[in-house]
Every structure is written in structure tokens, then in C-alpha cells.
Amino acid sequence: SPGRVAAPPPMAAAATGTGGQTLGRSSFSRAASSKTASSSSSPTASGVKLGPNGAAFVSSGIPDLDRILDGGFLLGSVVMVMEDSDAPHHLLLLRAFMAQGVVHKQPLLFAAPMKEPRSFLGALPAPVASSKEDARQRAMGGGAAGDGRASDEGLRIAWQYRKYFGDERNSNAEHRDNKQEFSHDFDLRKPLERHLLNAQHIECLSTQDVDTLHDLQNRSSAFLSKHQRKEGGNLSAGRIAIQSLCAPQCGYFGKDWDMVSFLRSLKAMVRSSNAVAIITFPYTVLSDSFCKRWQHLADTLLSIKAIPGKPHSSKYVFLFATSTADRKA
């Protein structure tokens, strides 16, 4: 459905622990007054936000989900998404995650069970123009329509205002810019600009009709080797997006232990890197025991369920679980 990914009305969230009990929102959210700025002196790259105790986050591409997850996706974590069998809402989450990385020029590795996975990039949404850009365009339009005296008067008033309140205004503007820089709203009606999709830092890999996961594991290892954590280095981020890992279209379908072994290896590699891996999987094709294994291997587990209602409704619910041991920072 056309609209913004960031605000699908209504959206609810519930957290579940490993024992199935429902947890409160307080388990995953900090007080509004708590500081999220880190005292670390390491410089950060575009699209990376520092939190308490040196934790670093990248945006999911959905600001509402970032708030629910208390900051976004933690660098060095594996996110698994249980696909909704009734509607392709998991693809919206995947597109937003990938589009957010492309906009920030973060390296991206995308794997999917299709002949030409690069064609999926054409469905990535474009970011909505920020209010700051809209205001600048309106100001430019107004200046062109007015005379020179009105323009000079406006500049004089702006200079006087900045003279007395410049520090506070600059600080607030910088805070807004940083927030907008970390996470964008995306318009599903507009595709991402083509020149961004032709960048060299985007890699695509097909998992269709392949007998083993060796190629995907080797490509993931080579990709993550470029994003190893370094003390005092520039805190850049990489993103891995794998669509429908256990889909029947894959040649390795049915090799349950091979897929579990791949997930364990990928989790170990991601844990020591400045990257986030998001994996969607149709859980209905897995046995109950292996589905549980997959869920326990995730640092953050998302289950998306469509809300019954009108046909093609964009309403859905995020049900998620996250390991508090992995989110100490």
C-alpha cells in the first residue's frame, strides 16, 4: 500500500521472553531523560548512533521500530524476521533496512532466492524530503518572488536573532539534523534514485538453485572482514540482508543442520564486526524443533503479523523478543 513505512497505523508491539511470558515495555526502553550520547572519542560515520557504554546502533529504516527497540539495531547483532504467510509485510521491513543503508552509503550485501537479486533494489523506497529541505525551498521561492528590500530586511532580522539566540538555535538544529541523519522516513510510492543503486558498495547474491551455503558463507566472511572492529578507528557500519533463507526455491532446502551451522557461523562473524545482519525466513516450512533453534540464535527476533481487516491493509503488528544478555550495553 502507498504511504510511509515509518508510520503504518496502527502499530502495536509486545515483547516476549524465552519462557513465553509477556514482558513490559520498560524492559526494552530507557527513560526519556536518559542520555544516549556516548563518551567514546571514536568518530562515527553517517548513519551510526552511539548509545550508553559505547554501544552503537544503526536504524532499521522505520523510526517507530527504532524507538521500540530502544535505539535501533545494535552493531554486531543478528536480526531474524519470521515472515508473515498472509501478507508480504516482511518485505517492507527488509526494503526499509536496505534503503536506509544505501542512503547512508553503508556497504550492503543482499542475498535472495531469485535469479536476479539486483532487480529487488529497484523496489527500495526513496526517503521523504526533510522539513528542513522543504523550508529551504519555500524560502528560496519566497525570496525570488519578493523584492531586494524585503530580502535585506529578512537577513538583518535573522542576523539580530542569531546574535542573541544563535547558540541555542544552532544546538537544536544540529540535534534535529543528527536525528534525521540517523533515520529517515521512506515513501513507498517513490523508488530510490538509480545512481545510488549503482554504487560499488552494493553486492548481490542469488541463493536460488544452489546446493550448499558455502558461497553465501564465503561472501559473508569476505564482506565482514572489511568491517572488523578497531579501537580508535572510524566507526563505520555494514549491512547484510538475506531474504527467505530457508525458502523451498533454494537447492539446500531441507538440509536443516547445514542451515543451523551457517547461522551459528554468521552470528560469530557478525559479533566481532561493525555490521548488522537481518535474515527473513518462512518459519512454516521448518519443523517446530528447528524453528526454535533459529529463534534462539537471533539476537533480536521479529515476528510480523497482518491485522485482519480490509483487503491489502497496511496494518500490522510487530511481535519481538530480544536477548537482554546481548543488549547489556
Foldseek 3Di string as FASTA:
>chain_A
DWDWPQCAPPAAEWAAEPVGDTDDLVVQEDDPPDDQAEPDPFAEAFQWGGGYPGWIAGALLHVVVCRSNHHHHTFLFEEEEAAAPVDRVVVVSLLSNVLLCLVSVAFEEEEEADPDPLVVLQQRFAFDDDPVVVVVVVVVVVVVVDDPVVVVVVVVVVVVVCVVCVVVVVVVVVVVVSVCRNHTITTSVHHYDPVSSPDPSYHYYYQFADQACVVVLVVLLVNQVVFFDDPSHYLGEHEYEYEAPQDPRGNNRPVLVRVLVSLVSSSVSRNRGRYYYYYYHNLVSDDPVSSSSVLVSGQKYWYKYADDDDPPRPDIYIYMYHDCVVVVD
